[in-house]
Every structure is written in structure tokens, then in C-alpha cells.
Amino acid sequence: MDITKMKRRPTTPGEVLREEFLAPLKESIGLTQKKLADHIGVDIKVINRLVNDRTSIMPDLAFKLAYAFGTTPEFWLNLQKNVDLYDAYKANAKELKKIKKVS
């Protein structure tokens, strides 16, 4: 994935958690943010901030979500990495384009 050519911001880990995990599991098994937080041993505020894109995911939470949902920590951290790189590129694109390759 070439971050510099992306037209839109990559999907955040919070959006994936909200739309791909919490929403479907709320319907099927009644999983809420609070129940997830209790299940993985974190404060509800951690989950709420993540699903509302007010915080980044850190490795310890990535492991907890991976164990809870049968994914990998890399899955969650790669989502965050893509968002972080996109944001950094967009914030610095003009300056970065002025840098020539060292030969």
C-alpha cells in the first residue's frame, strides 16, 4: 500500500472494532463496549476512546483484542500504522516533496 497515493484516510482500528466486531456481536451475543472492556480487563474509557477515534491502539491492547477476537496483534497495529503514516504524510507532504534522494 502506497500511503502517498491514497485518496482517503485509512480505516482506523476503532472503526474496524466498532463496525466489524462490536456491531455484529452486539446483535448476536449482546456484546457492548462495557462487556468487551470487562472481558479483556481494561477500563470502558479505553474502548470508548478507541471506537470514537480519540486514541491510538497500543501493543498491549492489540494483544488483548487479538486474543478476544481470534485475530493477531499485527492486524490491529497495522491498521494503526497505516493511519499514522497517512496522517504524517498529509501533514508534511509539501516539505517531503522537496527532499531529494541521497546519491
PDB file of N, CA and C in Angstrom:
ATOM      1  N   MET A   1       0.852  -1.170   0.000  1.00  0.00           N
ATOM      2  CA  MET A   1       0.000   0.000   0.000  1.00  0.00           C
ATOM      3  C   MET A   1       0.900   1.235   0.000  1.00  0.00           C
ATOM      4  N   ASP A   2       0.688   2.086  -0.967  1.00  0.00           N
ATOM      5  CA  ASP A   2       1.459   3.329  -1.039  1.00  0.00           C
ATOM      6  C   ASP A   2       0.638   4.451  -0.407  1.00  0.00           C
ATOM      7  N   ILE A   3       0.990   4.790   0.815  1.00  0.00           N
ATOM      8  CA  ILE A   3       0.275   5.804   1.585  1.00  0.00           C
ATOM      9  C   ILE A   3       0.221   7.135   0.833  1.00  0.00           C
ATOM     10  N   THR A   4       1.283   7.452   0.082  1.00  0.00           N
ATOM     11  CA  THR A   4       1.363   8.754  -0.586  1.00  0.00           C
ATOM     12  C   THR A   4       0.353   8.893  -1.727  1.00  0.00           C
ATOM     13  N   LYS A   5      -0.225   7.786  -2.175  1.00  0.00           N
ATOM     14  CA  LYS A   5      -1.179   7.840  -3.294  1.00  0.00           C
ATOM     15  C   LYS A   5      -2.621   7.592  -2.853  1.00  0.00           C
ATOM     16  N   MET A   6      -2.819   7.441  -1.577  1.00  0.00           N
ATOM     17  CA  MET A   6      -4.173   7.162  -1.092  1.00  0.00           C
ATOM     18  C   MET A   6      -5.054   8.401  -1.187  1.00  0.00           C
ATOM     19  N   LYS A   7      -6.290   8.220  -1.606  1.00  0.00           N
ATOM     20  CA  LYS A   7      -7.249   9.312  -1.757  1.00  0.00           C
ATOM     21  C   LYS A   7      -7.985   9.613  -0.454  1.00  0.00           C
ATOM     22  N   ARG A   8      -8.085   8.617   0.421  1.00  0.00           N
ATOM     23  CA  ARG A   8      -8.785   8.830   1.687  1.00  0.00           C
ATOM     24  C   ARG A   8      -7.974   8.233   2.826  1.00  0.00           C
ATOM     25  N   ARG A   9      -8.269   8.699   4.010  1.00  0.00           N
ATOM     26  CA  ARG A   9      -7.589   8.215   5.213  1.00  0.00           C
ATOM     27  C   ARG A   9      -7.902   6.730   5.415  1.00  0.00           C
ATOM     28  N   PRO A  10      -6.907   5.943   5.763  1.00  0.00           N
ATOM     29  CA  PRO A  10      -7.162   4.517   6.001  1.00  0.00           C
ATOM     30  C   PRO A  10      -8.152   4.310   7.149  1.00  0.00           C
ATOM     31  N   THR A  11      -8.780   3.182   7.128  1.00  0.00           N
ATOM     32  CA  THR A  11      -9.729   2.823   8.180  1.00  0.00           C
ATOM     33  C   THR A  11      -8.985   2.673   9.498  1.00  0.00           C
ATOM     34  N   THR A  12      -9.524   3.289  10.534  1.00  0.00           N
ATOM     35  CA  THR A  12      -8.876   3.243  11.848  1.00  0.00           C
ATOM     36  C   THR A  12      -9.197   1.931  12.562  1.00  0.00           C
ATOM     37  N   PRO A  13      -8.348   1.545  13.518  1.00  0.00           N
ATOM     38  CA  PRO A  13      -8.665   0.353  14.307  1.00  0.00           C
ATOM     39  C   PRO A  13      -9.979   0.520  15.081  1.00  0.00           C
ATOM     40  N   GLY A  14     -10.282   1.743  15.484  1.00  0.00           N
ATOM     41  CA  GLY A  14     -11.535   1.997  16.188  1.00  0.00           C
ATOM     42  C   GLY A  14     -12.749   1.738  15.323  1.00  0.00           C
ATOM     43  N   GLU A  15     -12.664   2.162  14.070  1.00  0.00           N
ATOM     44  CA  GLU A  15     -13.778   1.930  13.148  1.00  0.00           C
ATOM     45  C   GLU A  15     -13.945   0.433  12.875  1.00  0.00           C
ATOM     46  N   VAL A  16     -12.842  -0.268  12.711  1.00  0.00           N
ATOM     47  CA  VAL A  16     -12.914  -1.715  12.497  1.00  0.00           C
ATOM     48  C   VAL A  16     -13.521  -2.399  13.716  1.00  0.00           C
ATOM     49  N   LEU A  17     -13.065  -2.017  14.891  1.00  0.00           N
ATOM     50  CA  LEU A  17     -13.625  -2.592  16.113  1.00  0.00           C
ATOM     51  C   LEU A  17     -15.123  -2.318  16.201  1.00  0.00           C
ATOM     52  N   ARG A  18     -15.507  -1.094  15.944  1.00  0.00           N
ATOM     53  CA  ARG A  18     -16.915  -0.692  16.044  1.00  0.00           C
ATOM     54  C   ARG A  18     -17.796  -1.398  15.014  1.00  0.00           C
ATOM     55  N   GLU A  19     -17.374  -1.361  13.742  1.00  0.00           N
ATOM     56  CA  GLU A  19     -18.229  -1.839  12.653  1.00  0.00           C
ATOM     57  C   GLU A  19     -18.124  -3.334  12.367  1.00  0.00           C
ATOM     58  N   GLU A  20     -16.933  -3.890  12.519  1.00  0.00           N
ATOM     59  CA  GLU A  20     -16.724  -5.287  12.148  1.00  0.00           C
ATOM     60  C   GLU A  20     -16.818  -6.262  13.318  1.00  0.00           C
ATOM     61  N   PHE A  21     -16.693  -5.757  14.518  1.00  0.00           N
ATOM     62  CA  PHE A  21     -16.728  -6.639  15.679  1.00  0.00           C
ATOM     63  C   PHE A  21     -17.870  -6.301  16.632  1.00  0.00           C
ATOM     64  N   LEU A  22     -17.894  -5.071  17.153  1.00  0.00           N
ATOM     65  CA  LEU A  22     -18.904  -4.735  18.153  1.00  0.00           C
ATOM     66  C   LEU A  22     -20.330  -4.742  17.594  1.00  0.00           C
ATOM     67  N   ALA A  23     -20.545  -4.110  16.453  1.00  0.00           N
ATOM     68  CA  ALA A  23     -21.910  -4.034  15.904  1.00  0.00           C
ATOM     69  C   ALA A  23     -22.506  -5.418  15.641  1.00  0.00           C
ATOM     70  N   PRO A  24     -21.801  -6.288  14.910  1.00  0.00           N
ATOM     71  CA  PRO A  24     -22.388  -7.607  14.665  1.00  0.00           C
ATOM     72  C   PRO A  24     -22.543  -8.444  15.940  1.00  0.00           C
ATOM     73  N   LEU A  25     -21.566  -8.335  16.846  1.00  0.00           N
ATOM     74  CA  LEU A  25     -21.621  -9.141  18.060  1.00  0.00           C
ATOM     75  C   LEU A  25     -22.614  -8.594  19.072  1.00  0.00           C
ATOM     76  N   LYS A  26     -22.946  -7.324  18.946  1.00  0.00           N
ATOM     77  CA  LYS A  26     -23.998  -6.784  19.818  1.00  0.00           C
ATOM     78  C   LYS A  26     -25.329  -7.433  19.462  1.00  0.00           C
ATOM     79  N   GLU A  27     -25.572  -7.574  18.166  1.00  0.00           N
ATOM     80  CA  GLU A  27     -26.812  -8.208  17.702  1.00  0.00           C
ATOM     81  C   GLU A  27     -26.858  -9.686  18.055  1.00  0.00           C
ATOM     82  N   SER A  28     -25.747 -10.379  17.869  1.00  0.00           N
ATOM     83  CA  SER A  28     -25.773 -11.827  18.062  1.00  0.00           C
ATOM     84  C   SER A  28     -25.607 -12.271  19.516  1.00  0.00           C
ATOM     85  N   ILE A  29     -24.705 -11.625  20.259  1.00  0.00           N
ATOM     86  CA  ILE A  29     -24.472 -12.093  21.638  1.00  0.00           C
ATOM     87  C   ILE A  29     -24.574 -10.982  22.684  1.00  0.00           C
ATOM     88  N   GLY A  30     -24.988  -9.799  22.250  1.00  0.00           N
ATOM     89  CA  GLY A  30     -25.160  -8.696  23.199  1.00  0.00           C
ATOM     90  C   GLY A  30     -23.863  -8.059  23.668  1.00  0.00           C
ATOM     91  N   LEU A  31     -22.798  -8.153  22.863  1.00  0.00           N
ATOM     92  CA  LEU A  31     -21.513  -7.571  23.254  1.00  0.00           C
ATOM     93  C   LEU A  31     -21.575  -6.048  23.173  1.00  0.00           C
ATOM     94  N   THR A  32     -21.278  -5.399  24.263  1.00  0.00           N
ATOM     95  CA  THR A  32     -21.239  -3.935  24.330  1.00  0.00           C
ATOM     96  C   THR A  32     -19.803  -3.505  24.593  1.00  0.00           C
ATOM     97  N   GLN A  33     -19.560  -2.213  24.515  1.00  0.00           N
ATOM     98  CA  GLN A  33     -18.239  -1.700  24.856  1.00  0.00           C
ATOM     99  C   GLN A  33     -17.880  -2.079  26.287  1.00  0.00           C
ATOM    100  N   LYS A  34     -18.815  -1.946  27.192  1.00  0.00           N
ATOM    101  CA  LYS A  34     -18.590  -2.265  28.612  1.00  0.00           C
ATOM    102  C   LYS A  34     -18.263  -3.743  28.797  1.00  0.00           C
ATOM    103  N   LYS A  35     -19.022  -4.606  28.147  1.00  0.00           N
ATOM    104  CA  LYS A  35     -18.772  -6.046  28.275  1.00  0.00           C
ATOM    105  C   LYS A  35     -17.408  -6.421  27.696  1.00  0.00           C
ATOM    106  N   LEU A  36     -17.050  -5.805  26.572  1.00  0.00           N
ATOM    107  CA  LEU A  36     -15.739  -6.063  25.988  1.00  0.00           C
ATOM    108  C   LEU A  36     -14.639  -5.589  26.932  1.00  0.00           C
ATOM    109  N   ALA A  37     -14.791  -4.388  27.458  1.00  0.00           N
ATOM    110  CA  ALA A  37     -13.799  -3.842  28.383  1.00  0.00           C
ATOM    111  C   ALA A  37     -13.611  -4.773  29.580  1.00  0.00           C
ATOM    112  N   ASP A  38     -14.712  -5.218  30.160  1.00  0.00           N
ATOM    113  CA  ASP A  38     -14.637  -6.144  31.298  1.00  0.00           C
ATOM    114  C   ASP A  38     -13.976  -7.457  30.893  1.00  0.00           C
ATOM    115  N   HIS A  39     -14.332  -7.952  29.711  1.00  0.00           N
ATOM    116  CA  HIS A  39     -13.819  -9.239  29.227  1.00  0.00           C
ATOM    117  C   HIS A  39     -12.297  -9.234  29.055  1.00  0.00           C
ATOM    118  N   ILE A  40     -11.768  -8.105  28.568  1.00  0.00           N
ATOM    119  CA  ILE A  40     -10.321  -8.053  28.319  1.00  0.00           C
ATOM    120  C   ILE A  40      -9.550  -7.325  29.416  1.00  0.00           C
ATOM    121  N   GLY A  41     -10.264  -6.853  30.431  1.00  0.00           N
ATOM    122  CA  GLY A  41      -9.597  -6.266  31.583  1.00  0.00           C
ATOM    123  C   GLY A  41      -9.086  -4.851  31.400  1.00  0.00           C
ATOM    124  N   VAL A  42      -9.847  -4.032  30.687  1.00  0.00           N
ATOM    125  CA  VAL A  42      -9.476  -2.625  30.540  1.00  0.00           C
ATOM    126  C   VAL A  42     -10.656  -1.758  30.971  1.00  0.00           C
ATOM    127  N   ASP A  43     -10.391  -0.498  31.206  1.00  0.00           N
ATOM    128  CA  ASP A  43     -11.438   0.449  31.559  1.00  0.00           C
ATOM    129  C   ASP A  43     -12.315   0.707  30.332  1.00  0.00           C
ATOM    130  N   ILE A  44     -13.579   0.905  30.546  1.00  0.00           N
ATOM    131  CA  ILE A  44     -14.514   1.222  29.465  1.00  0.00           C
ATOM    132  C   ILE A  44     -14.051   2.427  28.663  1.00  0.00           C
ATOM    133  N   LYS A  45     -13.386   3.382  29.324  1.00  0.00           N
ATOM    134  CA  LYS A  45     -12.909   4.587  28.635  1.00  0.00           C
ATOM    135  C   LYS A  45     -11.918   4.246  27.530  1.00  0.00           C
ATOM    136  N   VAL A  46     -11.131   3.202  27.735  1.00  0.00           N
ATOM    137  CA  VAL A  46     -10.145   2.791  26.725  1.00  0.00           C
ATOM    138  C   VAL A  46     -10.866   2.364  25.453  1.00  0.00           C
ATOM    139  N   ILE A  47     -11.877   1.531  25.601  1.00  0.00           N
ATOM    140  CA  ILE A  47     -12.627   1.049  24.440  1.00  0.00           C
ATOM    141  C   ILE A  47     -13.398   2.196  23.807  1.00  0.00           C
ATOM    142  N   ASN A  48     -14.029   3.025  24.620  1.00  0.00           N
ATOM    143  CA  ASN A  48     -14.809   4.144  24.103  1.00  0.00           C
ATOM    144  C   ASN A  48     -13.953   5.116  23.319  1.00  0.00           C
ATOM    145  N   ARG A  49     -12.784   5.444  23.836  1.00  0.00           N
ATOM    146  CA  ARG A  49     -11.880   6.359  23.115  1.00  0.00           C
ATOM    147  C   ARG A  49     -11.430   5.750  21.794  1.00  0.00           C
ATOM    148  N   LEU A  50     -11.172   4.446  21.812  1.00  0.00           N
ATOM    149  CA  LEU A  50     -10.723   3.777  20.591  1.00  0.00           C
ATOM    150  C   LEU A  50     -11.821   3.772  19.536  1.00  0.00           C
ATOM    151  N   VAL A  51     -13.033   3.358  19.894  1.00  0.00           N
ATOM    152  CA  VAL A  51     -14.100   3.277  18.894  1.00  0.00           C
ATOM    153  C   VAL A  51     -14.536   4.647  18.398  1.00  0.00           C
ATOM    154  N   ASN A  52     -14.262   5.688  19.158  1.00  0.00           N
ATOM    155  CA  ASN A  52     -14.586   7.052  18.735  1.00  0.00           C
ATOM    156  C   ASN A  52     -13.384   7.779  18.139  1.00  0.00           C
ATOM    157  N   ASP A  53     -12.334   7.013  17.836  1.00  0.00           N
ATOM    158  CA  ASP A  53     -11.120   7.548  17.185  1.00  0.00           C
ATOM    159  C   ASP A  53     -10.501   8.705  17.945  1.00  0.00           C
ATOM    160  N   ARG A  54     -10.513   8.617  19.264  1.00  0.00           N
ATOM    161  CA  ARG A  54      -9.897   9.650  20.094  1.00  0.00           C
ATOM    162  C   ARG A  54      -8.572   9.185  20.692  1.00  0.00           C
ATOM    163  N   THR A  55      -8.167   7.958  20.358  1.00  0.00           N
ATOM    164  CA  THR A  55      -6.881   7.451  20.823  1.00  0.00           C
ATOM    165  C   THR A  55      -6.360   6.427  19.827  1.00  0.00           C
ATOM    166  N   SER A  56      -5.079   6.203  19.887  1.00  0.00           N
ATOM    167  CA  SER A  56      -4.435   5.188  19.052  1.00  0.00           C
ATOM    168  C   SER A  56      -4.389   3.871  19.804  1.00  0.00           C
ATOM    169  N   ILE A  57      -4.266   2.811  19.054  1.00  0.00           N
ATOM    170  CA  ILE A  57      -4.154   1.499  19.686  1.00  0.00           C
ATOM    171  C   ILE A  57      -2.682   1.251  20.025  1.00  0.00           C
ATOM    172  N   MET A  58      -2.438   0.678  21.173  1.00  0.00           N
ATOM    173  CA  MET A  58      -1.094   0.351  21.634  1.00  0.00           C
ATOM    174  C   MET A  58      -0.924  -1.168  21.648  1.00  0.00           C
ATOM    175  N   PRO A  59       0.316  -1.637  21.661  1.00  0.00           N
ATOM    176  CA  PRO A  59       0.550  -3.079  21.580  1.00  0.00           C
ATOM    177  C   PRO A  59      -0.182  -3.915  22.635  1.00  0.00           C
ATOM    178  N   ASP A  60      -0.252  -3.444  23.872  1.00  0.00           N
ATOM    179  CA  ASP A  60      -0.925  -4.260  24.890  1.00  0.00           C
ATOM    180  C   ASP A  60      -2.404  -4.439  24.569  1.00  0.00           C
ATOM    181  N   LEU A  61      -3.059  -3.397  24.092  1.00  0.00           N
ATOM    182  CA  LEU A  61      -4.469  -3.513  23.717  1.00  0.00           C
ATOM    183  C   LEU A  61      -4.621  -4.351  22.448  1.00  0.00           C
ATOM    184  N   ALA A  62      -3.673  -4.230  21.538  1.00  0.00           N
ATOM    185  CA  ALA A  62      -3.711  -5.042  20.314  1.00  0.00           C
ATOM    186  C   ALA A  62      -3.681  -6.530  20.662  1.00  0.00           C
ATOM    187  N   PHE A  63      -2.855  -6.905  21.633  1.00  0.00           N
ATOM    188  CA  PHE A  63      -2.820  -8.302  22.062  1.00  0.00           C
ATOM    189  C   PHE A  63      -4.151  -8.727  22.667  1.00  0.00           C
ATOM    190  N   LYS A  64      -4.722  -7.886  23.505  1.00  0.00           N
ATOM    191  CA  LYS A  64      -5.988  -8.230  24.162  1.00  0.00           C
ATOM    192  C   LYS A  64      -7.110  -8.396  23.151  1.00  0.00           C
ATOM    193  N   LEU A  65      -7.189  -7.492  22.191  1.00  0.00           N
ATOM    194  CA  LEU A  65      -8.211  -7.611  21.157  1.00  0.00           C
ATOM    195  C   LEU A  65      -7.971  -8.842  20.277  1.00  0.00           C
ATOM    196  N   ALA A  66      -6.717  -9.112  19.987  1.00  0.00           N
ATOM    197  CA  ALA A  66      -6.385 -10.291  19.179  1.00  0.00           C
ATOM    198  C   ALA A  66      -6.832 -11.574  19.876  1.00  0.00           C
ATOM    199  N   TYR A  67      -6.559 -11.672  21.150  1.00  0.00           N
ATOM    200  CA  TYR A  67      -6.972 -12.857  21.897  1.00  0.00           C
ATOM    201  C   TYR A  67      -8.488 -12.955  21.981  1.00  0.00           C
ATOM    202  N   ALA A  68      -9.156 -11.820  22.178  1.00  0.00           N
ATOM    203  CA  ALA A  68     -10.612 -11.825  22.329  1.00  0.00           C
ATOM    204  C   ALA A  68     -11.329 -12.178  21.033  1.00  0.00           C
ATOM    205  N   PHE A  69     -10.790 -11.738  19.902  1.00  0.00           N
ATOM    206  CA  PHE A  69     -11.498 -11.910  18.638  1.00  0.00           C
ATOM    207  C   PHE A  69     -10.857 -12.912  17.682  1.00  0.00           C
ATOM    208  N   GLY A  70      -9.784 -13.560  18.103  1.00  0.00           N
ATOM    209  CA  GLY A  70      -9.153 -14.555  17.238  1.00  0.00           C
ATOM    210  C   GLY A  70      -8.439 -13.944  16.051  1.00  0.00           C
ATOM    211  N   THR A  71      -7.928 -12.731  16.247  1.00  0.00           N
ATOM    212  CA  THR A  71      -7.145 -12.091  15.192  1.00  0.00           C
ATOM    213  C   THR A  71      -5.681 -12.123  15.640  1.00  0.00           C
ATOM    214  N   THR A  72      -4.893 -11.205  15.144  1.00  0.00           N
ATOM    215  CA  THR A  72      -3.495 -11.098  15.571  1.00  0.00           C
ATOM    216  C   THR A  72      -3.242  -9.679  16.047  1.00  0.00           C
ATOM    217  N   PRO A  73      -2.247  -9.486  16.905  1.00  0.00           N
ATOM    218  CA  PRO A  73      -1.914  -8.113  17.284  1.00  0.00           C
ATOM    219  C   PRO A  73      -1.442  -7.307  16.074  1.00  0.00           C
ATOM    220  N   GLU A  74      -0.792  -7.978  15.126  1.00  0.00           N
ATOM    221  CA  GLU A  74      -0.326  -7.296  13.920  1.00  0.00           C
ATOM    222  C   GLU A  74      -1.481  -6.712  13.113  1.00  0.00           C
ATOM    223  N   PHE A  75      -2.607  -7.416  13.100  1.00  0.00           N
ATOM    224  CA  PHE A  75      -3.797  -6.919  12.405  1.00  0.00           C
ATOM    225  C   PHE A  75      -4.169  -5.538  12.932  1.00  0.00           C
ATOM    226  N   TRP A  76      -4.269  -5.420  14.245  1.00  0.00           N
ATOM    227  CA  TRP A  76      -4.670  -4.155  14.874  1.00  0.00           C
ATOM    228  C   TRP A  76      -3.596  -3.082  14.725  1.00  0.00           C
ATOM    229  N   LEU A  77      -2.337  -3.462  14.920  1.00  0.00           N
ATOM    230  CA  LEU A  77      -1.244  -2.489  14.836  1.00  0.00           C
ATOM    231  C   LEU A  77      -1.006  -2.014  13.402  1.00  0.00           C
ATOM    232  N   ASN A  78      -1.238  -2.881  12.422  1.00  0.00           N
ATOM    233  CA  ASN A  78      -1.094  -2.456  11.024  1.00  0.00           C
ATOM    234  C   ASN A  78      -2.162  -1.441  10.643  1.00  0.00           C
ATOM    235  N   LEU A  79      -3.365  -1.607  11.157  1.00  0.00           N
ATOM    236  CA  LEU A  79      -4.399  -0.599  10.925  1.00  0.00           C
ATOM    237  C   LEU A  79      -3.929   0.750  11.462  1.00  0.00           C
ATOM    238  N   GLN A  80      -3.391   0.741  12.672  1.00  0.00           N
ATOM    239  CA  GLN A  80      -2.917   1.980  13.289  1.00  0.00           C
ATOM    240  C   GLN A  80      -1.726   2.558  12.534  1.00  0.00           C
ATOM    241  N   LYS A  81      -0.808   1.698  12.125  1.00  0.00           N
ATOM    242  CA  LYS A  81       0.372   2.148  11.383  1.00  0.00           C
ATOM    243  C   LYS A  81      -0.030   2.861  10.100  1.00  0.00           C
ATOM    244  N   ASN A  82      -0.996   2.299   9.384  1.00  0.00           N
ATOM    245  CA  ASN A  82      -1.434   2.922   8.134  1.00  0.00           C
ATOM    246  C   ASN A  82      -2.035   4.305   8.372  1.00  0.00           C
ATOM    247  N   VAL A  83      -2.829   4.436   9.416  1.00  0.00           N
ATOM    248  CA  VAL A  83      -3.418   5.734   9.759  1.00  0.00           C
ATOM    249  C   VAL A  83      -2.318   6.726  10.143  1.00  0.00           C
ATOM    250  N   ASP A  84      -1.387   6.275  10.974  1.00  0.00           N
ATOM    251  CA  ASP A  84      -0.305   7.157  11.429  1.00  0.00           C
ATOM    252  C   ASP A  84       0.565   7.640  10.263  1.00  0.00           C
ATOM    253  N   LEU A  85       0.911   6.729   9.355  1.00  0.00           N
ATOM    254  CA  LEU A  85       1.732   7.115   8.207  1.00  0.00           C
ATOM    255  C   LEU A  85       0.977   8.075   7.291  1.00  0.00           C
ATOM    256  N   TYR A  86      -0.288   7.808   7.059  1.00  0.00           N
ATOM    257  CA  TYR A  86      -1.105   8.685   6.224  1.00  0.00           C
ATOM    258  C   TYR A  86      -1.176  10.091   6.824  1.00  0.00           C
ATOM    259  N   ASP A  87      -1.466  10.155   8.118  1.00  0.00           N
ATOM    260  CA  ASP A  87      -1.560  11.451   8.789  1.00  0.00           C
ATOM    261  C   ASP A  87      -0.234  12.201   8.738  1.00  0.00           C
ATOM    262  N   ALA A  88       0.860  11.490   8.966  1.00  0.00           N
ATOM    263  CA  ALA A  88       2.180  12.128   8.927  1.00  0.00           C
ATOM    264  C   ALA A  88       2.503  12.623   7.527  1.00  0.00           C
ATOM    265  N   TYR A  89       2.173  11.832   6.519  1.00  0.00           N
ATOM    266  CA  TYR A  89       2.435  12.258   5.147  1.00  0.00           C
ATOM    267  C   TYR A  89       1.612  13.492   4.794  1.00  0.00           C
ATOM    268  N   LYS A  90       0.329  13.453   5.116  1.00  0.00           N
ATOM    269  CA  LYS A  90      -0.540  14.589   4.789  1.00  0.00           C
ATOM    270  C   LYS A  90      -0.081  15.866   5.500  1.00  0.00           C
ATOM    271  N   ALA A  91       0.394  15.735   6.713  1.00  0.00           N
ATOM    272  CA  ALA A  91       0.845  16.899   7.479  1.00  0.00           C
ATOM    273  C   ALA A  91       2.155  17.471   6.948  1.00  0.00           C
ATOM    274  N   ASN A  92       2.944  16.639   6.260  1.00  0.00           N
ATOM    275  CA  ASN A  92       4.285  17.057   5.837  1.00  0.00           C
ATOM    276  C   ASN A  92       4.541  16.917   4.340  1.00  0.00           C
ATOM    277  N   ALA A  93       3.527  16.699   3.545  1.00  0.00           N
ATOM    278  CA  ALA A  93       3.702  16.379   2.128  1.00  0.00           C
ATOM    279  C   ALA A  93       4.520  17.424   1.367  1.00  0.00           C
ATOM    280  N   LYS A  94       4.220  18.700   1.562  1.00  0.00           N
ATOM    281  CA  LYS A  94       4.940  19.743   0.822  1.00  0.00           C
ATOM    282  C   LYS A  94       6.428  19.709   1.136  1.00  0.00           C
ATOM    283  N   GLU A  95       6.747  19.595   2.404  1.00  0.00           N
ATOM    284  CA  GLU A  95       8.149  19.547   2.817  1.00  0.00           C
ATOM    285  C   GLU A  95       8.837  18.280   2.316  1.00  0.00           C
ATOM    286  N   LEU A  96       8.139  17.163   2.402  1.00  0.00           N
ATOM    287  CA  LEU A  96       8.723  15.887   1.978  1.00  0.00           C
ATOM    288  C   LEU A  96       9.031  15.868   0.481  1.00  0.00           C
ATOM    289  N   LYS A  97       8.172  16.493  -0.309  1.00  0.00           N
ATOM    290  CA  LYS A  97       8.369  16.502  -1.767  1.00  0.00           C
ATOM    291  C   LYS A  97       9.598  17.307  -2.179  1.00  0.00           C
ATOM    292  N   LYS A  98      10.086  18.165  -1.303  1.00  0.00           N
ATOM    293  CA  LYS A  98      11.287  18.961  -1.593  1.00  0.00           C
ATOM    294  C   LYS A  98      12.581  18.164  -1.356  1.00  0.00           C
ATOM    295  N   ILE A  99      12.478  17.056  -0.661  1.00  0.00           N
ATOM    296  CA  ILE A  99      13.676  16.279  -0.313  1.00  0.00           C
ATOM    297  C   ILE A  99      14.076  15.416  -1.500  1.00  0.00           C
ATOM    298  N   LYS A 100      15.325  15.564  -1.880  1.00  0.00           N
ATOM    299  CA  LYS A 100      15.869  14.761  -2.984  1.00  0.00           C
ATOM    300  C   LYS A 100      16.577  13.534  -2.412  1.00  0.00           C
ATOM    301  N   LYS A 101      16.599  12.470  -3.193  1.00  0.00           N
ATOM    302  CA  LYS A 101      17.244  11.243  -2.781  1.00  0.00           C
ATOM    303  C   LYS A 101      18.753  11.460  -2.672  1.00  0.00           C
ATOM    304  N   VAL A 102      19.328  10.931  -1.620  1.00  0.00           N
ATOM    305  CA  VAL A 102      20.781  10.998  -1.443  1.00  0.00           C
ATOM    306  C   VAL A 102      21.406   9.994  -2.392  1.00  0.00           C
ATOM    307  N   SER A 103      22.395  10.462  -3.176  1.00  0.00           N
ATOM    308  CA  SER A 103      23.043   9.555  -4.137  1.00  0.00           C
ATOM    309  C   SER A 103      24.502   9.394  -3.824  1.00  0.00           C
TER     310      SER A 103
END
